[in-house]
Protein backbone atom coordinates (compact mmCIF):
# COMPACT_ATOMS: atom_id res chain seq x y z
CA MET A 1 172.47 73.23 87.12
CA LYS A 2 169.41 75.19 86.35
CA GLN A 3 169.61 74.26 82.59
CA SER A 4 170.78 70.45 83.25
CA LEU A 5 167.82 70.26 85.61
CA TYR A 6 165.20 71.90 83.18
CA ILE A 7 166.54 69.58 80.72
CA VAL A 8 165.74 66.13 83.35
CA ILE A 9 162.59 66.99 84.09
CA ILE A 10 161.41 67.96 80.54
CA ILE A 11 163.51 64.05 79.93
CA PHE A 12 161.21 63.02 82.48
CA ALA A 13 157.93 64.47 81.13
CA LEU A 14 158.49 63.25 78.44
CA SER A 15 158.79 59.82 79.87
CA VAL A 16 155.81 59.86 81.40
CA ILE A 17 153.98 60.08 78.36
CA SER A 18 155.78 57.90 75.92
CA CYS A 19 157.38 55.10 77.70
CA LYS A 20 154.71 53.93 80.10
CA GLY A 21 152.47 52.31 77.37
CA GLU A 22 155.62 50.78 75.88
CA ASN A 23 157.28 48.73 78.64
CA GLU A 24 153.42 47.32 79.91
CA SER A 25 153.07 45.95 76.55
CA ASN A 26 153.99 41.58 78.46
CA GLY A 27 151.54 42.42 81.19
CA LYS A 28 154.26 41.93 83.40
CA LEU A 29 154.93 44.54 86.32
CA ASN A 30 158.14 47.61 85.56
CA VAL A 31 160.38 47.25 88.72
CA VAL A 32 162.99 49.25 89.28
CA ALA A 33 165.42 49.06 92.25
CA THR A 34 168.52 51.57 92.98
CA THR A 35 171.44 49.46 94.50
CA SER A 36 172.35 46.45 93.62
CA MET A 37 171.33 44.90 97.08
CA ILE A 38 168.09 46.31 96.45
CA THR A 39 167.90 44.58 92.79
CA ASP A 40 168.94 41.41 94.23
CA LEU A 41 166.28 41.10 97.02
CA VAL A 42 163.49 42.21 94.35
CA LYS A 43 165.06 39.36 91.84
CA ASN A 44 165.07 36.74 94.35
CA ILE A 45 161.34 37.44 95.44
CA GLY A 46 159.95 38.32 91.88
CA GLY A 47 161.71 36.24 90.04
CA ASP A 48 160.03 36.34 86.14
CA LEU A 49 156.93 37.43 87.50
CA ILE A 50 158.06 41.11 86.99
CA ASN A 51 160.48 43.19 84.63
CA LEU A 52 163.35 44.31 86.55
CA GLU A 53 165.74 46.96 86.07
CA GLY A 54 168.43 47.82 88.51
CA LEU A 55 169.84 51.25 88.61
CA MET A 56 173.15 50.69 90.30
CA GLY A 57 175.89 48.14 89.53
CA ALA A 58 178.96 47.02 90.80
CA GLY A 59 181.41 49.68 92.29
CA VAL A 60 178.73 52.11 91.79
CA ASP A 61 178.36 54.73 95.00
CA PRO A 62 174.68 54.96 95.37
CA HIS A 63 175.96 58.58 97.91
CA LEU A 64 177.33 59.89 94.53
CA TYR A 65 174.70 58.58 92.14
CA LYS A 66 173.11 60.94 89.79
CA ALA A 67 170.29 60.07 87.76
CA SER A 68 171.28 59.84 83.38
CA ALA A 69 168.60 60.55 81.07
CA GLY A 70 168.18 56.52 80.72
CA ASP A 71 167.59 56.42 84.33
CA VAL A 72 164.78 59.29 84.45
CA THR A 73 163.20 57.25 82.06
CA LYS A 74 163.34 53.78 83.47
CA LEU A 75 162.10 55.62 86.76
CA ALA A 76 159.09 57.20 84.71
CA GLY A 77 158.01 53.63 82.89
CA ALA A 78 158.18 51.88 86.20
CA ASP A 79 155.15 50.72 88.13
CA VAL A 80 157.34 50.04 90.87
CA ILE A 81 160.21 51.88 92.18
CA PHE A 82 162.33 50.19 95.45
CA TYR A 83 165.04 51.96 97.20
CA ASN A 84 166.88 52.20 100.30
CA GLY A 85 165.99 56.17 101.49
CA LEU A 86 166.81 57.62 104.54
CA HIS A 87 169.07 59.89 102.16
CA LEU A 88 171.20 57.21 100.88
CA GLU A 89 170.76 57.79 97.02
CA GLY A 90 170.85 61.45 98.57
CA LYS A 91 171.56 63.20 94.33
CA LEU A 92 167.80 60.66 93.42
CA VAL A 93 165.88 62.86 96.05
CA GLU A 94 164.90 66.22 93.83
CA VAL A 95 163.83 62.79 90.74
CA PHE A 96 161.62 61.06 93.12
CA GLU A 97 160.40 64.25 94.28
CA LYS A 98 159.38 65.15 90.54
CA MET A 99 157.70 61.80 90.36
CA ASN A 100 155.46 62.26 93.36
CA ALA A 101 152.21 63.62 90.83
CA THR A 102 152.47 60.30 88.90
CA GLN A 103 151.30 56.80 89.40
CA VAL A 104 154.30 55.28 89.69
CA THR A 105 154.85 52.98 93.70
CA GLN A 106 157.49 54.40 95.44
CA ILE A 107 158.88 52.48 98.27
CA PRO A 108 161.79 53.26 100.67
CA LEU A 109 162.68 50.49 101.94
CA GLY A 110 164.78 51.49 104.91
CA GLU A 111 161.88 54.32 106.00
CA SER A 112 160.00 51.85 106.99
CA LEU A 113 162.63 50.54 109.71
CA ASP A 114 161.59 51.08 113.22
CA LYS A 115 163.87 54.46 113.56
CA ASN A 116 164.45 54.08 117.28
CA THR A 117 166.45 50.72 116.31
CA LEU A 118 168.82 52.69 113.87
CA ILE A 119 172.22 53.90 114.47
CA GLY A 120 172.11 58.29 114.59
CA SER A 121 174.62 60.41 113.10
CA ASP A 122 175.17 64.40 113.90
CA TYR A 123 177.16 64.29 110.84
CA PHE A 124 174.86 63.18 107.98
CA ALA A 125 171.86 64.51 106.50
CA SER A 126 168.99 61.75 108.14
CA ASN A 127 170.40 61.43 111.21
CA TYR A 128 170.55 58.05 110.76
CA ASP A 129 172.95 55.56 109.27
CA PRO A 130 171.72 54.95 105.84
CA HIS A 131 173.62 51.47 105.46
CA VAL A 132 170.97 48.84 107.36
CA TRP A 133 171.70 46.25 104.74
CA PHE A 134 174.43 45.02 107.04
CA ASN A 135 171.72 44.09 109.63
CA ILE A 136 170.02 40.77 108.33
CA GLN A 137 166.95 41.44 110.27
CA TYR A 138 166.98 44.84 108.67
CA PHE A 139 167.22 43.13 104.70
CA LYS A 140 164.36 40.52 106.07
CA GLN A 141 161.98 43.12 106.92
CA PHE A 142 162.54 44.73 103.31
CA ALA A 143 161.84 41.34 102.10
CA THR A 144 158.62 41.35 103.85
CA GLU A 145 157.82 44.77 102.56
CA VAL A 146 159.05 43.86 98.77
CA VAL A 147 156.11 41.04 98.55
CA SER A 148 153.43 43.10 100.46
CA THR A 149 154.09 45.60 97.94
CA LEU A 150 154.33 43.05 95.02
CA SER A 151 151.07 41.36 96.08
CA ARG A 152 149.26 44.61 96.50
CA LYS A 153 150.40 45.91 92.82
CA ASP A 154 149.93 42.04 91.16
CA PRO A 155 147.46 40.34 93.51
CA GLN A 156 146.99 36.70 91.26
CA ASN A 157 150.78 36.07 91.79
CA ALA A 158 150.64 36.79 95.55
CA LYS A 159 151.43 33.17 96.37
CA SER A 160 154.16 33.23 93.98
CA TYR A 161 155.92 36.15 95.51
CA GLU A 162 154.94 34.57 99.34
CA ALA A 163 156.58 31.16 98.70
CA ASN A 164 159.46 33.34 96.75
CA ALA A 165 160.27 35.44 99.70
CA GLN A 166 159.64 32.56 102.60
CA ASN A 167 162.22 30.51 100.70
CA TYR A 168 164.64 33.24 100.03
CA LEU A 169 164.00 34.16 103.88
CA ALA A 170 165.87 30.70 104.90
CA GLN A 171 168.68 31.09 102.82
CA LEU A 172 168.99 34.74 105.10
CA ASP A 173 168.38 32.42 107.93
CA GLU A 174 171.23 29.81 106.41
CA LEU A 175 173.51 32.92 105.86
CA GLU A 176 173.27 34.40 109.54
CA ALA A 177 174.05 31.35 111.20
CA GLU A 178 177.24 30.41 108.98
CA ILE A 179 178.80 34.00 109.67
CA LYS A 180 177.86 33.44 113.25
CA ALA A 181 180.13 30.72 113.38
CA THR A 182 182.91 32.18 110.99
CA ILE A 183 183.39 35.15 113.04
CA ALA A 184 183.17 33.01 115.91
CA THR A 185 186.63 32.01 115.19
CA LEU A 186 187.65 35.40 115.88
CA PRO A 187 188.90 36.30 119.27
CA ALA A 188 186.75 38.69 120.56
CA GLU A 189 189.74 41.60 121.16
CA LYS A 190 190.51 41.58 117.51
CA ARG A 191 187.28 42.53 116.27
CA ILE A 192 188.37 45.76 115.45
CA LEU A 193 187.08 46.69 111.83
CA VAL A 194 188.82 49.64 109.56
CA THR A 195 187.38 50.51 106.75
CA ALA A 196 187.44 53.30 104.08
CA HIS A 197 183.73 55.04 105.51
CA ASP A 198 181.74 54.05 108.04
CA ALA A 199 179.64 51.67 106.06
CA PHE A 200 179.83 49.02 109.20
CA ASN A 201 178.54 50.46 112.12
CA TYR A 202 174.98 47.73 111.87
CA PHE A 203 177.46 44.87 111.18
CA GLY A 204 179.57 46.03 113.87
CA LYS A 205 176.46 46.48 116.21
CA SER A 206 175.15 42.94 115.10
CA TYR A 207 178.09 40.89 115.34
CA GLY A 208 180.30 42.34 118.18
CA PHE A 209 183.16 44.49 115.97
CA GLU A 210 184.34 48.27 117.07
CA VAL A 211 184.14 50.03 113.26
CA VAL A 212 186.03 52.87 112.52
CA GLY A 213 185.86 55.05 109.27
CA LEU A 214 188.31 57.08 107.51
CA GLN A 215 185.66 59.06 106.26
CA GLY A 216 181.90 59.61 107.70
CA LEU A 217 178.61 57.64 106.78
CA SER A 218 178.35 59.65 103.68
CA THR A 219 181.59 59.58 101.21
CA ALA A 220 180.38 62.65 99.70
CA THR A 221 182.48 64.06 103.02
CA GLU A 222 186.25 64.34 102.13
CA ALA A 223 188.80 62.42 104.63
CA GLY A 224 191.28 64.66 105.88
CA VAL A 225 194.72 65.02 107.45
CA LYS A 226 193.23 65.83 110.86
CA ASP A 227 191.37 62.35 109.90
CA VAL A 228 194.05 60.19 108.99
CA GLN A 229 196.35 61.52 111.50
CA ARG A 230 194.07 60.33 114.20
CA LEU A 231 192.66 56.85 112.32
CA SER A 232 196.82 56.01 112.27
CA GLN A 233 197.53 56.84 116.04
CA PHE A 234 193.95 54.37 117.00
CA ILE A 235 195.35 51.55 114.63
CA ILE A 236 199.30 51.94 116.63
CA ASP A 237 197.05 52.36 119.76
CA ASN A 238 195.21 49.13 119.23
CA LYS A 239 197.91 47.31 117.27
CA VAL A 240 195.64 46.61 114.62
CA LYS A 241 197.04 43.91 111.60
CA ALA A 242 194.92 44.70 108.69
CA ILE A 243 192.87 47.91 107.30
CA PHE A 244 190.40 47.47 104.71
CA VAL A 245 189.47 49.31 101.12
CA GLU A 246 185.95 49.34 99.82
CA SER A 247 184.63 48.34 96.42
CA SER A 248 182.86 51.80 95.86
CA VAL A 249 185.46 54.20 97.08
CA PRO A 250 188.76 55.09 95.89
CA ARG A 251 191.60 53.14 97.31
CA ARG A 252 194.09 55.73 97.92
CA THR A 253 192.35 57.14 101.09
CA ILE A 254 193.16 53.79 103.26
CA GLU A 255 196.87 53.79 100.87
CA ALA A 256 196.80 57.47 102.70
CA LEU A 257 196.33 55.57 106.11
CA GLN A 258 198.38 52.48 105.62
CA ALA A 259 201.19 55.17 104.93
CA ALA A 260 200.68 56.92 107.64
CA VAL A 261 200.56 53.97 110.24
CA GLN A 262 204.26 52.70 108.43
CA SER A 263 206.01 56.35 108.66
CA ARG A 264 205.37 55.78 112.65
CA GLY A 265 207.22 52.34 112.68
CA GLN A 266 204.25 50.40 112.61
CA GLU A 267 203.15 47.51 110.08
CA VAL A 268 199.90 47.38 108.98
CA VAL A 269 198.42 45.65 105.63
CA ILE A 270 195.43 45.94 103.62
CA GLY A 271 193.45 43.36 104.53
CA GLY A 272 191.11 43.09 101.16
CA SER A 273 188.36 44.83 99.13
CA LEU A 274 184.88 44.68 101.13
CA TYR A 275 181.46 45.36 99.63
CA SER A 276 180.00 47.74 100.77
CA ASP A 277 177.61 50.15 99.13
CA ALA A 278 177.27 47.56 95.84
CA LEU A 279 177.87 44.33 95.55
CA GLY A 280 180.36 42.38 93.27
CA ASN A 281 180.09 41.79 89.41
CA ALA A 282 176.67 40.49 87.79
CA GLY A 283 177.44 36.57 87.88
CA SER A 284 179.78 36.45 90.82
CA VAL A 285 178.94 34.45 93.81
CA GLU A 286 179.65 38.45 95.35
CA GLY A 287 177.00 39.74 92.89
CA THR A 288 174.47 38.37 95.34
CA TYR A 289 173.73 39.63 98.32
CA ILE A 290 174.11 36.55 100.47
CA GLY A 291 177.54 35.94 98.47
CA MET A 292 178.78 39.20 99.33
CA PHE A 293 177.91 38.97 103.15
CA LYS A 294 179.81 35.85 103.27
CA TYR A 295 183.02 37.42 101.42
CA ASN A 296 183.42 40.16 103.41
CA VAL A 297 183.06 38.24 106.29
CA THR A 298 185.24 35.53 105.14
CA THR A 299 188.21 38.20 104.44
CA ILE A 300 187.68 40.26 107.06
CA VAL A 301 188.56 37.27 109.73
CA GLU A 302 191.22 35.97 107.50
CA ALA A 303 192.80 38.67 107.67
CA LEU A 304 192.54 39.90 111.32
CA LYS A 305 193.35 36.53 112.65
């Protein structure tokens, strides 16, 4: 463990020296984003005015993600790094801390939110649920922070960043109106969302769903037999019709829950796979934040009706 950390530090030191000058040759800001949601957000605001690198692709679990040597090189060559914070990218924290002595600007977007409005947890290291992107209002605050940072680092393109942001914020307003209309077709008593882990609490709070996850806020914790038994009884008591897997969490956990319910004489279907900690494949509709949100809401509502 110590040896691998030492290697990472050496790679990091070398990349700071060698990559910075090489990556700045086209005169654009070099920007790195961690999760696919943040990468999509920064892409919408920065567009062709920046060089953007996303670390995590489709199906990648940010709770468990470890930086590769290539990732450290990208981070070291950046002018700006945008990440979620709130301990979502827990295994990258050590790398970020090593970079504090460099000129790289690090922006943990979640840390800018009003902590009094966040969902707390007694079981997660940060004491806050980090899945804040499922509150669209929080995501709009992320956008504001991205504009502010890019404009400060690249003032000559500030007006373009602001224009791009205003266009994207209007799209987010349209998204919220559309998903509210879709959710309104589902009776309130059927709004019980059972998923692989507790990624959807902000979604539930925003749109009136009771949300229950088999695992905790972080997928680093494993669901045990008691968790399965507890949740299977909840499903039976509440006559829940469908439960959901997640694209970034192994399917077997929800399949075990389904089997436990069925063994007690009640049917429950797997209503589909939701995008929780990562977007869909690049180039697909679900590969964007807006497309992911629409897909999730449609999948949930149709399965629970």
